[in-house]
Amino acid sequence: MAEHTSSSITIEAAPADVMGVIADFERYPEWTGEVKEAEVLGTDEQGRAEKVRLVLDAGAIKDDHTLAYTWIGAYEVSWTLVKSQMLRAIDGSYALAPLGDGDRTEVTYRLTVDVKIPMLGMIKRKAEKVIIDRALAGLKKRVESVPKG
């Protein structure tokens, strides 16, 4: 199994509020930093994105790719690569865990990236870490700045 990188952060919001921001792909360019464009290409019967095209610029990793999303209950979403110009694989997930009385959420982001061009594993892990850290910080800031209700 490929190596992965993961990290967690606590967000001062209920899991539903956090997942609402995660599921709002078209707004990713407003808060993620690395995602320059996002376009939902298909949705499931509940209206959740199943296929999303993303234009990514994460320093060493720049790409225009399409991901397939799988929603696991109310607290988890995972994705896998459908097509890409530069990537051989990009698999990841957000897993949410309610904390305390449900007004705080621990978010764990897990990511595995494999590129088509030769790249040292250490550099890939560093790129994954940068993507994860910026995404979690951006997610926290975005969720905590959105008015509740």
Protein backbone atom coordinates (compact mmCIF):
# COMPACT_ATOMS: atom_id res chain seq x y z
CA MET A 1 0.00 0.00 0.00
CA ALA A 2 1.26 3.48 -0.83
CA GLU A 3 2.51 5.73 1.92
CA HIS A 4 0.13 8.45 3.01
CA THR A 5 0.30 11.66 4.98
CA SER A 6 -2.32 12.67 7.51
CA SER A 7 -2.97 15.45 9.98
CA SER A 8 -5.81 16.61 12.23
CA ILE A 9 -7.17 19.92 13.48
CA THR A 10 -9.94 20.95 15.86
CA ILE A 11 -12.55 23.34 14.48
CA GLU A 12 -14.95 25.33 16.67
CA ALA A 13 -18.09 24.23 14.82
CA ALA A 14 -20.47 21.30 14.58
CA PRO A 15 -19.57 18.49 12.14
CA ALA A 16 -22.50 19.41 9.86
CA ASP A 17 -21.13 22.96 9.48
CA VAL A 18 -17.65 21.63 8.70
CA MET A 19 -18.98 19.13 6.15
CA GLY A 20 -21.06 21.90 4.57
CA VAL A 21 -17.87 23.80 3.77
CA ILE A 22 -16.03 20.65 2.61
CA ALA A 23 -18.92 19.77 0.26
CA ASP A 24 -19.09 23.27 -1.27
CA PHE A 25 -16.45 22.58 -3.95
CA GLU A 26 -17.14 25.61 -6.11
CA ARG A 27 -15.97 27.85 -3.25
CA TYR A 28 -12.65 26.00 -2.75
CA PRO A 29 -10.66 28.66 -4.65
CA GLU A 30 -11.82 31.18 -1.99
CA TRP A 31 -10.15 29.36 0.90
CA THR A 32 -7.85 26.49 -0.09
CA GLY A 33 -4.94 28.36 -1.67
CA GLU A 34 -3.88 25.44 -3.90
CA VAL A 35 -7.20 25.00 -5.73
CA LYS A 36 -7.44 27.66 -8.43
CA GLU A 37 -10.64 26.32 -10.10
CA ALA A 38 -13.31 23.81 -9.06
CA GLU A 39 -16.21 22.50 -11.13
CA VAL A 40 -18.75 19.88 -10.05
CA LEU A 41 -19.25 17.51 -13.01
CA GLY A 42 -21.77 15.12 -11.44
CA THR A 43 -23.85 14.65 -8.28
CA ASP A 44 -25.50 11.75 -6.47
CA GLU A 45 -29.21 11.38 -5.68
CA GLN A 46 -28.70 13.51 -2.53
CA GLY A 47 -27.12 16.34 -4.52
CA ARG A 48 -23.60 15.68 -3.22
CA ALA A 49 -20.70 15.94 -5.66
CA GLU A 50 -19.59 12.61 -7.13
CA LYS A 51 -17.18 13.93 -9.73
CA VAL A 52 -15.24 17.21 -9.46
CA ARG A 53 -12.67 18.84 -11.76
CA LEU A 54 -9.97 20.76 -9.88
CA VAL A 55 -7.12 22.93 -11.11
CA LEU A 56 -4.37 22.63 -8.51
CA ASP A 57 -1.20 24.65 -7.96
CA ALA A 58 0.65 23.30 -4.92
CA GLY A 59 4.20 24.35 -5.74
CA ALA A 60 5.87 21.12 -6.88
CA ILE A 61 2.48 19.72 -7.93
CA LYS A 62 0.49 21.60 -10.59
CA ASP A 63 -2.37 19.81 -12.29
CA ASP A 64 -5.82 19.85 -13.86
CA HIS A 65 -7.52 16.69 -12.63
CA THR A 66 -10.87 15.05 -11.97
CA LEU A 67 -11.71 13.26 -8.73
CA ALA A 68 -14.48 10.82 -7.83
CA TYR A 69 -15.99 11.35 -4.37
CA THR A 70 -17.57 8.79 -2.04
CA TRP A 71 -19.67 10.00 0.89
CA ILE A 72 -19.57 7.73 3.93
CA GLY A 73 -22.37 8.72 6.28
CA ALA A 74 -22.52 12.30 7.49
CA TYR A 75 -18.95 12.50 8.80
CA GLU A 76 -16.62 11.22 6.08
CA VAL A 77 -15.82 11.78 2.43
CA SER A 78 -13.08 10.14 0.38
CA TRP A 79 -11.83 10.67 -3.13
CA THR A 80 -9.79 8.98 -5.81
CA LEU A 81 -8.33 10.07 -9.11
CA VAL A 82 -10.36 9.69 -12.32
CA LYS A 83 -8.03 11.52 -14.74
CA SER A 84 -5.06 13.83 -14.59
CA GLN A 85 -2.33 15.46 -16.61
CA MET A 86 0.44 15.06 -14.01
CA LEU A 87 -0.82 12.70 -11.32
CA ARG A 88 -0.84 8.91 -11.35
CA ALA A 89 -2.91 8.86 -8.12
CA ILE A 90 -4.41 11.20 -5.55
CA ASP A 91 -6.42 9.47 -2.88
CA GLY A 92 -7.61 11.15 0.25
CA SER A 93 -10.31 11.64 2.82
CA TYR A 94 -11.75 13.98 5.39
CA ALA A 95 -13.02 12.23 8.54
CA LEU A 96 -14.94 14.28 11.11
CA ALA A 97 -15.39 13.44 14.80
CA PRO A 98 -17.68 15.48 17.05
CA LEU A 99 -16.04 16.66 20.28
CA GLY A 100 -17.60 17.66 23.60
CA ASP A 101 -21.23 18.66 23.21
CA GLY A 102 -20.99 18.64 19.40
CA ASP A 103 -19.97 22.27 18.88
CA ARG A 104 -16.37 21.31 18.11
CA THR A 105 -15.09 18.90 15.48
CA GLU A 106 -11.82 17.09 15.00
CA VAL A 107 -11.05 16.90 11.28
CA THR A 108 -8.52 14.38 10.00
CA TYR A 109 -7.26 14.80 6.44
CA ARG A 110 -5.45 11.86 4.85
CA LEU A 111 -3.72 12.13 1.47
CA THR A 112 -1.63 10.01 -0.89
CA VAL A 113 -0.22 11.57 -4.07
CA ASP A 114 1.71 9.84 -6.84
CA VAL A 115 3.01 11.81 -9.80
CA LYS A 116 3.80 10.60 -13.31
CA ILE A 117 7.22 12.28 -13.35
CA PRO A 118 10.05 10.88 -11.22
CA MET A 119 10.03 12.51 -7.78
CA LEU A 120 11.68 11.47 -4.55
CA GLY A 121 9.29 10.05 -1.97
CA MET A 122 10.51 12.64 0.51
CA ILE A 123 9.50 15.47 -1.86
CA LYS A 124 6.08 13.88 -2.46
CA ARG A 125 5.46 13.58 1.31
CA LYS A 126 6.51 17.22 1.75
CA ALA A 127 4.06 18.31 -0.98
CA GLU A 128 1.31 16.22 0.66
CA LYS A 129 2.07 17.82 4.03
CA VAL A 130 1.91 21.33 2.55
CA ILE A 131 -1.41 20.56 0.83
CA ILE A 132 -2.88 19.07 4.03
CA ASP A 133 -1.66 21.79 6.39
CA ARG A 134 -2.88 24.61 4.16
CA ALA A 135 -6.20 22.87 3.52
CA LEU A 136 -6.85 22.26 7.22
CA ALA A 137 -5.87 25.82 8.19
CA GLY A 138 -8.03 27.21 5.39
CA LEU A 139 -10.95 24.95 6.32
CA LYS A 140 -10.74 26.01 9.99
CA LYS A 141 -10.63 29.69 9.09
CA ARG A 142 -13.48 29.34 6.59
CA VAL A 143 -15.79 27.33 8.86
CA GLU A 144 -15.17 29.50 11.91
CA SER A 145 -15.81 32.72 9.93
CA VAL A 146 -19.17 31.57 8.48
CA PRO A 147 -22.17 32.71 10.58
CA LYS A 148 -23.88 29.75 12.30
CA GLY A 149 -27.42 28.74 11.38
